[in-house]
């Protein structure tokens, strides 16, 4: 007589139930983690908007575009690539290719204002997450640009509604924040 060994249906059902619970728990954990990252991102965005408003109230100018930043903001010096903006009321380039992100790699006016925006806010104490001595020629989230908890970060630039060749093609002139996976020209920052 041969002794046959195998699993009973009850044993298989128990194993399948345990596997199902583990998979369900892992999926729920991932969902909770993503929701927490999203909530932290929303909180960071709201803090950023409050910081920009406070900066404008305190310094009577836009971060990045503000003239006399080297005289008014403690720590804003040429040694850490912090300079005055051109005070035209627009962050970054204002004609032609004004929404093209290569300007985030620039160290000359007006293009460098897209990086100075973050540096001015950081040095004035309104945001964290920026390295004050970072070089604008090598953009990176958490160094030259504002990082977000969910990965990537924010980029800012001015767009003229009459420049239909560059995104965003909204028909509206103004400053735009863009959530991006990398600081254009810099390292990719996806998780």
N, C-alpha and C. Protein backbone atom coordinates (compact mmCIF):
# COMPACT_ATOMS: atom_id res chain seq x y z
N UNK A 1 0.82 -1.17 0.00
CA UNK A 1 0.00 0.00 0.00
C UNK A 1 0.87 1.25 0.00
N UNK A 2 0.58 2.10 -0.92
CA UNK A 2 1.36 3.33 -1.00
C UNK A 2 0.74 4.40 -0.11
N UNK A 3 1.62 5.17 0.53
CA UNK A 3 1.17 6.26 1.39
C UNK A 3 1.21 7.54 0.59
N UNK A 4 0.06 8.05 0.15
CA UNK A 4 -0.01 9.27 -0.65
C UNK A 4 -0.07 10.47 0.28
N UNK A 5 0.82 11.44 -0.01
CA UNK A 5 0.84 12.66 0.79
C UNK A 5 0.44 13.81 -0.11
N UNK A 6 -0.28 14.74 0.43
CA UNK A 6 -0.72 15.92 -0.31
C UNK A 6 -1.46 16.86 0.61
N UNK A 7 -1.96 17.92 0.05
CA UNK A 7 -2.71 18.90 0.82
C UNK A 7 -4.19 18.62 0.70
N UNK A 8 -4.86 18.82 1.79
CA UNK A 8 -6.32 18.69 1.73
C UNK A 8 -6.90 20.01 1.25
N UNK A 9 -8.15 19.99 0.85
CA UNK A 9 -8.80 21.22 0.40
C UNK A 9 -8.86 22.26 1.51
N UNK A 10 -9.01 21.82 2.74
CA UNK A 10 -9.06 22.74 3.88
C UNK A 10 -7.71 23.43 4.05
N UNK A 11 -6.64 22.67 3.95
CA UNK A 11 -5.30 23.25 4.08
C UNK A 11 -5.04 24.25 2.96
N UNK A 12 -5.42 23.90 1.74
CA UNK A 12 -5.24 24.83 0.61
C UNK A 12 -6.07 26.09 0.81
N UNK A 13 -7.29 25.95 1.32
CA UNK A 13 -8.15 27.10 1.57
C UNK A 13 -7.54 28.02 2.62
N UNK A 14 -6.95 27.45 3.68
CA UNK A 14 -6.31 28.25 4.72
C UNK A 14 -5.11 29.01 4.15
N UNK A 15 -4.28 28.35 3.36
CA UNK A 15 -3.12 28.99 2.75
C UNK A 15 -3.55 30.11 1.81
N UNK A 16 -4.56 29.86 0.99
CA UNK A 16 -5.06 30.88 0.07
C UNK A 16 -5.62 32.08 0.83
N UNK A 17 -6.31 31.83 1.94
CA UNK A 17 -6.85 32.92 2.76
C UNK A 17 -5.72 33.77 3.34
N UNK A 18 -4.69 33.12 3.85
CA UNK A 18 -3.53 33.84 4.40
C UNK A 18 -2.85 34.68 3.32
N UNK A 19 -2.65 34.11 2.14
CA UNK A 19 -2.04 34.85 1.03
C UNK A 19 -2.91 36.04 0.65
N UNK A 20 -4.22 35.84 0.60
CA UNK A 20 -5.15 36.93 0.27
C UNK A 20 -5.08 38.06 1.29
N UNK A 21 -5.01 37.70 2.57
CA UNK A 21 -4.91 38.73 3.61
C UNK A 21 -3.59 39.49 3.51
N UNK A 22 -2.50 38.79 3.24
CA UNK A 22 -1.20 39.46 3.09
C UNK A 22 -1.20 40.42 1.90
N UNK A 23 -1.71 39.97 0.77
CA UNK A 23 -1.77 40.82 -0.43
C UNK A 23 -2.67 42.03 -0.16
N UNK A 24 -3.83 41.79 0.46
CA UNK A 24 -4.74 42.89 0.78
C UNK A 24 -4.09 43.90 1.72
N UNK A 25 -3.36 43.41 2.72
CA UNK A 25 -2.66 44.29 3.66
C UNK A 25 -1.58 45.11 2.98
N UNK A 26 -0.85 44.49 2.09
CA UNK A 26 0.20 45.21 1.35
C UNK A 26 -0.41 46.29 0.47
N UNK A 27 -1.48 45.96 -0.24
CA UNK A 27 -2.14 46.94 -1.09
C UNK A 27 -2.71 48.10 -0.28
N UNK A 28 -3.31 47.79 0.87
CA UNK A 28 -3.87 48.84 1.73
C UNK A 28 -2.75 49.74 2.26
N UNK A 29 -1.63 49.13 2.67
CA UNK A 29 -0.48 49.91 3.15
C UNK A 29 0.02 50.85 2.07
N UNK A 30 0.13 50.36 0.83
CA UNK A 30 0.59 51.21 -0.27
C UNK A 30 -0.38 52.36 -0.50
N UNK A 31 -1.67 52.09 -0.42
CA UNK A 31 -2.68 53.14 -0.59
C UNK A 31 -2.56 54.18 0.52
N UNK A 32 -2.40 53.73 1.75
CA UNK A 32 -2.25 54.66 2.88
C UNK A 32 -0.98 55.50 2.73
N UNK A 33 0.10 54.88 2.28
CA UNK A 33 1.36 55.61 2.08
C UNK A 33 1.21 56.67 1.00
N UNK A 34 0.58 56.32 -0.11
CA UNK A 34 0.37 57.30 -1.19
C UNK A 34 -0.53 58.44 -0.73
N UNK A 35 -1.58 58.12 0.03
CA UNK A 35 -2.45 59.16 0.56
C UNK A 35 -1.70 60.09 1.50
N UNK A 36 -0.84 59.53 2.34
CA UNK A 36 -0.04 60.35 3.26
C UNK A 36 0.91 61.25 2.47
N UNK A 37 1.54 60.72 1.42
CA UNK A 37 2.44 61.54 0.59
C UNK A 37 1.67 62.67 -0.08
N UNK A 38 0.46 62.36 -0.56
CA UNK A 38 -0.36 63.38 -1.19
C UNK A 38 -0.74 64.47 -0.19
N UNK A 39 -1.13 64.06 1.03
CA UNK A 39 -1.48 65.04 2.06
C UNK A 39 -0.28 65.91 2.42
N UNK A 40 0.92 65.31 2.53
CA UNK A 40 2.13 66.09 2.81
C UNK A 40 2.44 67.05 1.65
N UNK A 41 2.18 66.61 0.42
CA UNK A 41 2.41 67.46 -0.74
C UNK A 41 1.45 68.66 -0.73
N UNK A 42 0.20 68.42 -0.41
CA UNK A 42 -0.78 69.50 -0.33
C UNK A 42 -0.38 70.48 0.77
N UNK A 43 0.05 69.95 1.91
CA UNK A 43 0.50 70.81 3.01
C UNK A 43 1.72 71.63 2.60
N UNK A 44 2.67 71.01 1.90
CA UNK A 44 3.86 71.73 1.43
C UNK A 44 3.47 72.81 0.43
N UNK A 45 2.54 72.52 -0.47
CA UNK A 45 2.09 73.50 -1.45
C UNK A 45 1.41 74.68 -0.76
N UNK A 46 0.53 74.41 0.21
CA UNK A 46 -0.13 75.49 0.94
C UNK A 46 0.88 76.33 1.72
N UNK A 47 1.88 75.69 2.31
CA UNK A 47 2.94 76.43 3.01
C UNK A 47 3.73 77.29 2.05
N UNK A 48 3.97 76.78 0.86
CA UNK A 48 4.69 77.55 -0.16
C UNK A 48 3.90 78.78 -0.56
N UNK A 49 2.61 78.62 -0.80
CA UNK A 49 1.77 79.76 -1.19
C UNK A 49 1.74 80.82 -0.08
N UNK A 50 1.66 80.38 1.17
CA UNK A 50 1.70 81.32 2.29
C UNK A 50 3.06 82.02 2.35
N UNK A 51 4.13 81.28 2.07
CA UNK A 51 5.48 81.86 2.07
C UNK A 51 5.65 82.91 0.99
N UNK A 52 5.12 82.66 -0.20
CA UNK A 52 5.22 83.63 -1.30
C UNK A 52 4.46 84.90 -0.94
N UNK A 53 3.26 84.73 -0.38
CA UNK A 53 2.46 85.90 0.02
C UNK A 53 3.18 86.70 1.10
N UNK A 54 3.73 86.02 2.10
CA UNK A 54 4.46 86.70 3.17
C UNK A 54 5.70 87.39 2.64
N UNK A 55 6.40 86.75 1.71
CA UNK A 55 7.59 87.35 1.11
C UNK A 55 7.21 88.65 0.41
N UNK A 56 6.16 88.61 -0.40
CA UNK A 56 5.71 89.81 -1.13
C UNK A 56 5.32 90.92 -0.16
N UNK A 57 4.64 90.56 0.92
CA UNK A 57 4.25 91.57 1.91
C UNK A 57 5.47 92.18 2.60
N UNK A 58 6.43 91.35 2.95
CA UNK A 58 7.61 91.81 3.69
C UNK A 58 8.59 92.60 2.82
N UNK A 59 8.85 92.11 1.60
CA UNK A 59 9.88 92.71 0.75
C UNK A 59 9.33 93.55 -0.40
N UNK A 60 8.03 93.56 -0.56
CA UNK A 60 7.39 94.32 -1.64
C UNK A 60 7.97 93.95 -3.01
N UNK A 61 8.09 92.66 -3.25
CA UNK A 61 8.59 92.16 -4.53
C UNK A 61 8.41 90.66 -4.62
N UNK A 62 8.57 90.15 -5.82
CA UNK A 62 8.48 88.71 -6.05
C UNK A 62 9.81 88.03 -5.73
N UNK A 63 9.77 86.88 -5.06
CA UNK A 63 11.02 86.15 -4.88
C UNK A 63 11.58 85.76 -6.25
N UNK A 64 12.85 85.90 -6.41
CA UNK A 64 13.50 85.62 -7.69
C UNK A 64 13.61 86.84 -8.57
N UNK A 65 12.59 87.66 -8.60
CA UNK A 65 12.55 88.86 -9.43
C UNK A 65 12.94 90.12 -8.65
N UNK A 66 12.99 90.01 -7.34
CA UNK A 66 13.19 91.16 -6.47
C UNK A 66 14.55 91.81 -6.67
N UNK A 67 14.55 93.12 -6.88
CA UNK A 67 15.79 93.88 -6.89
C UNK A 67 16.25 94.11 -5.47
N UNK A 68 17.51 94.38 -5.29
CA UNK A 68 18.09 94.64 -3.96
C UNK A 68 17.99 93.44 -3.03
N UNK A 69 17.84 92.24 -3.57
CA UNK A 69 17.78 91.04 -2.73
C UNK A 69 19.08 90.87 -1.96
N UNK A 70 20.20 91.21 -2.58
CA UNK A 70 21.50 91.06 -1.91
C UNK A 70 21.63 92.01 -0.73
N UNK A 71 20.86 93.09 -0.71
CA UNK A 71 20.90 94.04 0.41
C UNK A 71 19.82 93.73 1.45
N UNK A 72 18.72 93.14 1.02
CA UNK A 72 17.59 92.95 1.93
C UNK A 72 17.49 91.56 2.55
N UNK A 73 17.98 90.53 1.85
CA UNK A 73 17.84 89.15 2.34
C UNK A 73 19.18 88.70 2.92
N UNK A 74 19.18 88.38 4.19
CA UNK A 74 20.40 87.92 4.85
C UNK A 74 20.90 86.64 4.18
N UNK A 75 22.17 86.62 3.84
CA UNK A 75 22.77 85.45 3.22
C UNK A 75 22.69 85.41 1.72
N UNK A 76 22.03 86.38 1.10
CA UNK A 76 21.94 86.42 -0.36
C UNK A 76 23.18 87.13 -0.89
N UNK A 77 24.15 86.33 -1.29
CA UNK A 77 25.42 86.88 -1.77
C UNK A 77 25.84 86.18 -3.06
N UNK A 78 26.72 86.83 -3.80
CA UNK A 78 27.23 86.24 -5.03
C UNK A 78 27.99 84.95 -4.74
N UNK A 79 28.55 84.83 -3.55
CA UNK A 79 29.31 83.63 -3.18
C UNK A 79 28.43 82.39 -3.18
N UNK A 80 27.13 82.54 -2.91
CA UNK A 80 26.23 81.39 -2.96
C UNK A 80 25.25 81.49 -4.12
N UNK A 81 25.68 82.18 -5.18
CA UNK A 81 24.91 82.29 -6.43
C UNK A 81 23.56 82.99 -6.24
N UNK A 82 23.46 83.85 -5.25
CA UNK A 82 22.23 84.61 -5.01
C UNK A 82 22.46 86.03 -5.47
N UNK A 83 21.65 86.47 -6.41
CA UNK A 83 21.79 87.81 -6.97
C UNK A 83 20.43 88.50 -6.99
N UNK A 84 20.43 89.76 -7.36
CA UNK A 84 19.20 90.53 -7.49
C UNK A 84 18.48 90.12 -8.76
N UNK A 85 17.14 90.15 -8.71
CA UNK A 85 16.34 89.93 -9.90
C UNK A 85 16.27 91.21 -10.72
N UNK A 86 15.62 91.16 -11.87
CA UNK A 86 15.57 92.34 -12.75
C UNK A 86 14.33 93.21 -12.53
N UNK A 87 13.50 92.89 -11.57
CA UNK A 87 12.33 93.68 -11.14
C UNK A 87 11.33 94.00 -12.25
N UNK A 88 11.16 93.10 -13.20
CA UNK A 88 10.17 93.36 -14.25
C UNK A 88 8.80 92.76 -13.91
N UNK A 89 8.67 92.18 -12.70
CA UNK A 89 7.40 91.61 -12.29
C UNK A 89 7.14 90.23 -12.85
N UNK A 90 8.13 89.65 -13.51
CA UNK A 90 7.99 88.33 -14.13
C UNK A 90 9.18 87.47 -13.75
N UNK A 91 8.91 86.26 -13.31
CA UNK A 91 9.98 85.35 -12.92
C UNK A 91 10.45 84.61 -14.16
N UNK A 92 11.70 84.78 -14.52
CA UNK A 92 12.28 84.11 -15.68
C UNK A 92 12.14 84.92 -16.94
N UNK A 93 12.26 84.24 -18.07
CA UNK A 93 12.19 84.90 -19.37
C UNK A 93 10.78 85.41 -19.63
N UNK A 94 10.68 86.47 -20.39
CA UNK A 94 9.37 87.09 -20.60
C UNK A 94 8.95 87.15 -22.06
N UNK A 95 9.80 86.73 -22.97
CA UNK A 95 9.43 86.73 -24.38
C UNK A 95 9.92 85.46 -25.04
N UNK A 96 9.33 85.14 -26.16
CA UNK A 96 9.80 83.98 -26.93
C UNK A 96 9.61 82.68 -26.20
N UNK A 97 10.68 82.03 -25.83
CA UNK A 97 10.63 80.70 -25.24
C UNK A 97 10.53 80.74 -23.73
N UNK A 98 9.63 81.54 -23.21
CA UNK A 98 9.60 81.77 -21.77
C UNK A 98 9.13 80.61 -20.91
N UNK A 99 8.57 79.58 -21.45
CA UNK A 99 8.15 78.45 -20.62
C UNK A 99 9.04 77.24 -20.84
N UNK A 100 10.05 77.35 -21.67
CA UNK A 100 10.98 76.25 -21.89
C UNK A 100 11.88 76.13 -20.66
N UNK A 101 12.01 74.92 -20.16
CA UNK A 101 12.63 74.73 -18.86
C UNK A 101 14.14 74.82 -18.86
N UNK A 102 14.79 75.00 -20.02
CA UNK A 102 16.24 75.10 -19.96
C UNK A 102 16.66 76.28 -19.11
N UNK A 103 15.77 77.25 -18.92
CA UNK A 103 16.15 78.40 -18.12
C UNK A 103 16.44 78.02 -16.68
N UNK A 104 16.00 76.85 -16.22
CA UNK A 104 16.32 76.45 -14.86
C UNK A 104 17.79 76.05 -14.72
N UNK A 105 18.51 75.90 -15.83
CA UNK A 105 19.95 75.60 -15.78
C UNK A 105 20.79 76.86 -15.90
N UNK A 106 20.17 77.99 -16.13
CA UNK A 106 20.90 79.22 -16.41
C UNK A 106 21.41 79.88 -15.14
N UNK A 107 22.47 80.66 -15.29
CA UNK A 107 22.96 81.46 -14.17
C UNK A 107 22.99 82.94 -14.54
N UNK A 108 22.26 83.33 -15.60
CA UNK A 108 22.19 84.73 -16.01
C UNK A 108 20.74 85.21 -15.98
N UNK A 109 20.58 86.51 -15.80
CA UNK A 109 19.24 87.11 -15.80
C UNK A 109 18.71 87.18 -17.20
N UNK A 110 17.42 87.08 -17.41
CA UNK A 110 16.38 86.83 -16.41
C UNK A 110 16.14 85.34 -16.14
N UNK A 111 16.77 84.45 -16.92
CA UNK A 111 16.48 83.01 -16.78
C UNK A 111 16.73 82.48 -15.37
N UNK A 112 17.78 82.94 -14.71
CA UNK A 112 18.13 82.42 -13.39
C UNK A 112 17.07 82.74 -12.34
N UNK A 113 16.15 83.64 -12.64
CA UNK A 113 15.11 83.98 -11.68
C UNK A 113 14.25 82.77 -11.31
N UNK A 114 14.14 81.79 -12.20
CA UNK A 114 13.36 80.59 -11.90
C UNK A 114 14.02 79.78 -10.78
N UNK A 115 15.33 79.89 -10.63
CA UNK A 115 16.05 79.25 -9.53
C UNK A 115 16.14 80.20 -8.33
N UNK A 116 16.35 81.49 -8.59
CA UNK A 116 16.41 82.47 -7.51
C UNK A 116 15.12 82.51 -6.71
N UNK A 117 14.00 82.23 -7.36
CA UNK A 117 12.70 82.20 -6.69
C UNK A 117 12.79 81.36 -5.42
N UNK A 118 13.33 80.15 -5.56
CA UNK A 118 13.43 79.22 -4.42
C UNK A 118 14.49 79.68 -3.44
N UNK A 119 15.62 80.17 -3.95
CA UNK A 119 16.71 80.60 -3.07
C UNK A 119 16.29 81.80 -2.23
N UNK A 120 15.60 82.77 -2.83
CA UNK A 120 15.14 83.94 -2.08
C UNK A 120 14.16 83.52 -0.98
N UNK A 121 13.22 82.64 -1.31
CA UNK A 121 12.25 82.17 -0.31
C UNK A 121 12.95 81.43 0.83
N UNK A 122 13.94 80.61 0.49
CA UNK A 122 14.66 79.85 1.51
C UNK A 122 15.47 80.77 2.42
N UNK A 123 16.26 81.66 1.81
CA UNK A 123 17.11 82.54 2.61
C UNK A 123 16.29 83.51 3.47
N UNK A 124 15.08 83.85 3.03
CA UNK A 124 14.20 84.71 3.82
C UNK A 124 13.48 83.92 4.92
N UNK A 125 13.64 82.60 4.93
CA UNK A 125 13.07 81.77 5.99
C UNK A 125 11.64 81.31 5.75
N UNK A 126 11.16 81.35 4.51
CA UNK A 126 9.78 80.99 4.24
C UNK A 126 9.61 79.54 3.77
N UNK A 127 10.67 78.88 3.32
CA UNK A 127 10.59 77.48 2.93
C UNK A 127 11.85 76.76 3.41
N UNK A 128 11.81 75.45 3.39
CA UNK A 128 12.97 74.62 3.67
C UNK A 128 13.23 73.75 2.44
N UNK A 129 14.29 72.98 2.48
CA UNK A 129 14.53 72.01 1.42
C UNK A 129 15.42 72.50 0.29
N UNK A 130 16.02 73.68 0.45
CA UNK A 130 16.90 74.22 -0.58
C UNK A 130 18.31 74.33 0.00
N UNK A 131 19.31 74.06 -0.80
CA UNK A 131 20.69 74.25 -0.38
C UNK A 131 21.10 75.67 -0.77
N UNK A 132 21.38 76.55 0.20
CA UNK A 132 21.64 77.94 -0.12
C UNK A 132 22.88 78.17 -0.98
N UNK A 133 23.79 77.23 -1.03
CA UNK A 133 24.99 77.42 -1.85
C UNK A 133 24.93 76.63 -3.16
N UNK A 134 23.75 76.12 -3.51
CA UNK A 134 23.62 75.33 -4.73
C UNK A 134 23.81 76.20 -5.97
N UNK A 135 24.41 75.61 -6.97
CA UNK A 135 24.72 76.30 -8.23
C UNK A 135 23.55 76.14 -9.18
N UNK A 136 22.98 77.23 -9.72
CA UNK A 136 21.81 77.12 -10.58
C UNK A 136 22.07 76.38 -11.90
N UNK A 137 23.32 76.25 -12.29
CA UNK A 137 23.64 75.55 -13.52
C UNK A 137 23.41 74.05 -13.44
N UNK A 138 23.24 73.53 -12.23
CA UNK A 138 22.96 72.10 -12.05
C UNK A 138 21.70 71.94 -11.21
N UNK A 139 20.52 72.15 -11.82
CA UNK A 139 19.28 72.10 -11.06
C UNK A 139 18.96 70.71 -10.54
N UNK A 140 18.40 70.70 -9.34
CA UNK A 140 18.04 69.43 -8.71
C UNK A 140 17.04 69.73 -7.59
N UNK A 141 16.01 68.90 -7.46
CA UNK A 141 15.06 69.08 -6.37
C UNK A 141 15.75 68.77 -5.05
N UNK A 142 15.52 69.64 -4.07
CA UNK A 142 16.17 69.51 -2.78
C UNK A 142 17.50 70.23 -2.74
N UNK A 143 17.89 70.81 -3.85
CA UNK A 143 19.12 71.59 -3.91
C UNK A 143 18.82 72.99 -4.43
N UNK A 144 18.40 73.10 -5.68
CA UNK A 144 18.07 74.39 -6.27
C UNK A 144 16.57 74.63 -6.36
N UNK A 145 15.78 73.58 -6.37
CA UNK A 145 14.34 73.68 -6.55
C UNK A 145 13.61 72.96 -5.42
N UNK A 146 12.39 73.40 -5.16
CA UNK A 146 11.58 72.90 -4.06
C UNK A 146 11.17 71.45 -4.28
N UNK A 147 11.56 70.55 -3.35
CA UNK A 147 11.17 69.13 -3.48
C UNK A 147 9.79 68.88 -2.88
N UNK A 148 9.13 67.83 -3.34
CA UNK A 148 7.83 67.44 -2.79
C UNK A 148 7.93 66.05 -2.18
N UNK A 149 7.16 65.79 -1.11
CA UNK A 149 7.22 64.49 -0.44
C UNK A 149 6.90 63.32 -1.35
N UNK A 150 6.07 63.51 -2.37
CA UNK A 150 5.71 62.39 -3.25
C UNK A 150 6.73 62.16 -4.35
N UNK A 151 7.84 62.89 -4.32
CA UNK A 151 8.87 62.77 -5.33
C UNK A 151 8.80 63.93 -6.30
N UNK A 152 9.90 64.19 -6.97
CA UNK A 152 9.95 65.33 -7.88
C UNK A 152 9.88 66.62 -7.12
N UNK A 153 9.31 67.63 -7.74
CA UNK A 153 9.22 68.93 -7.08
C UNK A 153 8.52 69.93 -7.95
N UNK A 154 8.66 71.19 -7.58
CA UNK A 154 7.98 72.28 -8.28
C UNK A 154 8.96 73.14 -9.06
N UNK A 155 8.49 73.60 -10.21
CA UNK A 155 9.22 74.55 -11.04
C UNK A 155 8.30 75.75 -11.23
N UNK A 156 8.86 76.93 -11.36
CA UNK A 156 8.07 78.15 -11.55
C UNK A 156 8.62 78.94 -12.72
N UNK A 157 7.74 79.56 -13.47
CA UNK A 157 8.16 80.42 -14.58
C UNK A 157 6.98 81.29 -14.99
N UNK A 158 7.28 82.32 -15.74
CA UNK A 158 6.25 83.21 -16.27
C UNK A 158 5.92 82.78 -17.69
N UNK A 159 4.65 82.85 -18.04
CA UNK A 159 4.23 82.53 -19.40
C UNK A 159 3.37 83.66 -19.93
N UNK A 160 3.68 84.11 -21.12
CA UNK A 160 2.91 85.15 -21.79
C UNK A 160 1.87 84.48 -22.67
N UNK A 161 0.60 84.86 -22.52
CA UNK A 161 -0.48 84.21 -23.28
C UNK A 161 -0.31 84.36 -24.77
N UNK A 162 0.48 85.32 -25.21
CA UNK A 162 0.69 85.52 -26.65
C UNK A 162 1.76 84.61 -27.22
N UNK A 163 2.42 83.85 -26.36
CA UNK A 163 3.44 82.91 -26.82
C UNK A 163 2.78 81.54 -26.97
N UNK A 164 2.14 81.31 -28.10
CA UNK A 164 1.38 80.08 -28.33
C UNK A 164 2.28 78.88 -28.63
N UNK A 165 3.57 79.11 -28.83
CA UNK A 165 4.46 78.01 -29.20
C UNK A 165 4.96 77.21 -28.02
N UNK A 166 4.81 77.74 -26.81
CA UNK A 166 5.34 77.02 -25.66
C UNK A 166 4.23 76.75 -24.65
N UNK A 167 4.24 75.57 -24.03
CA UNK A 167 3.22 75.24 -23.04
C UNK A 167 3.43 76.05 -21.76
N UNK A 168 2.46 76.24 -20.89
CA UNK A 168 1.09 75.77 -21.07
C UNK A 168 0.30 76.72 -21.97
N UNK A 169 -0.41 76.21 -22.90
CA UNK A 169 -1.19 77.04 -23.82
C UNK A 169 -2.57 77.31 -23.22
N UNK A 170 -2.59 78.15 -22.19
CA UNK A 170 -3.81 78.40 -21.43
C UNK A 170 -4.56 79.64 -21.91
N UNK A 171 -3.92 80.49 -22.68
CA UNK A 171 -4.54 81.75 -23.06
C UNK A 171 -4.51 82.76 -21.93
N UNK A 172 -3.71 82.49 -20.89
CA UNK A 172 -3.61 83.37 -19.73
C UNK A 172 -2.14 83.72 -19.50
N UNK A 173 -1.87 84.98 -19.24
CA UNK A 173 -0.52 85.38 -18.86
C UNK A 173 -0.39 85.27 -17.35
N UNK A 174 0.76 84.83 -16.89
CA UNK A 174 0.99 84.77 -15.45
C UNK A 174 2.06 83.78 -15.07
N UNK A 175 2.26 83.67 -13.78
CA UNK A 175 3.24 82.72 -13.24
C UNK A 175 2.57 81.37 -13.05
N UNK A 176 3.31 80.33 -13.38
CA UNK A 176 2.81 78.97 -13.26
C UNK A 176 3.76 78.14 -12.43
N UNK A 177 3.18 77.27 -11.59
CA UNK A 177 3.94 76.25 -10.89
C UNK A 177 3.70 74.95 -11.63
N UNK A 178 4.76 74.21 -11.86
CA UNK A 178 4.60 72.92 -12.51
C UNK A 178 5.20 71.84 -11.63
N UNK A 179 4.40 70.81 -11.38
CA UNK A 179 4.88 69.62 -10.69
C UNK A 179 5.67 68.83 -11.71
N UNK A 180 6.88 68.47 -11.38
CA UNK A 180 7.74 67.78 -12.34
C UNK A 180 8.49 66.66 -11.66
N UNK A 181 8.85 65.65 -12.44
CA UNK A 181 9.62 64.54 -11.90
C UNK A 181 11.10 64.86 -11.83
N UNK A 182 11.52 65.92 -12.50
CA UNK A 182 12.92 66.31 -12.44
C UNK A 182 13.06 67.80 -12.72
N UNK A 183 14.10 68.39 -12.16
CA UNK A 183 14.42 69.78 -12.47
C UNK A 183 15.05 69.76 -13.85
N UNK A 184 14.42 70.36 -14.82
CA UNK A 184 14.86 70.23 -16.22
C UNK A 184 16.32 70.56 -16.37
N UNK A 185 17.02 69.64 -16.99
CA UNK A 185 18.46 69.77 -17.13
C UNK A 185 19.19 69.15 -15.96
N UNK A 186 18.46 68.75 -14.94
CA UNK A 186 19.07 68.17 -13.75
C UNK A 186 18.81 66.68 -13.65
N UNK A 187 18.97 66.16 -12.45
CA UNK A 187 18.79 64.73 -12.22
C UNK A 187 17.33 64.36 -12.12
N UNK A 188 16.98 63.17 -12.59
CA UNK A 188 15.62 62.67 -12.48
C UNK A 188 15.37 62.26 -11.04
N UNK A 189 14.22 62.62 -10.51
CA UNK A 189 13.92 62.40 -9.11
C UNK A 189 12.63 61.62 -8.91
N UNK A 190 12.46 60.51 -9.55
CA UNK A 190 11.25 59.71 -9.36
C UNK A 190 11.52 58.61 -8.34
N UNK A 191 10.49 58.30 -7.55
CA UNK A 191 10.61 57.18 -6.62
C UNK A 191 9.89 56.00 -7.20
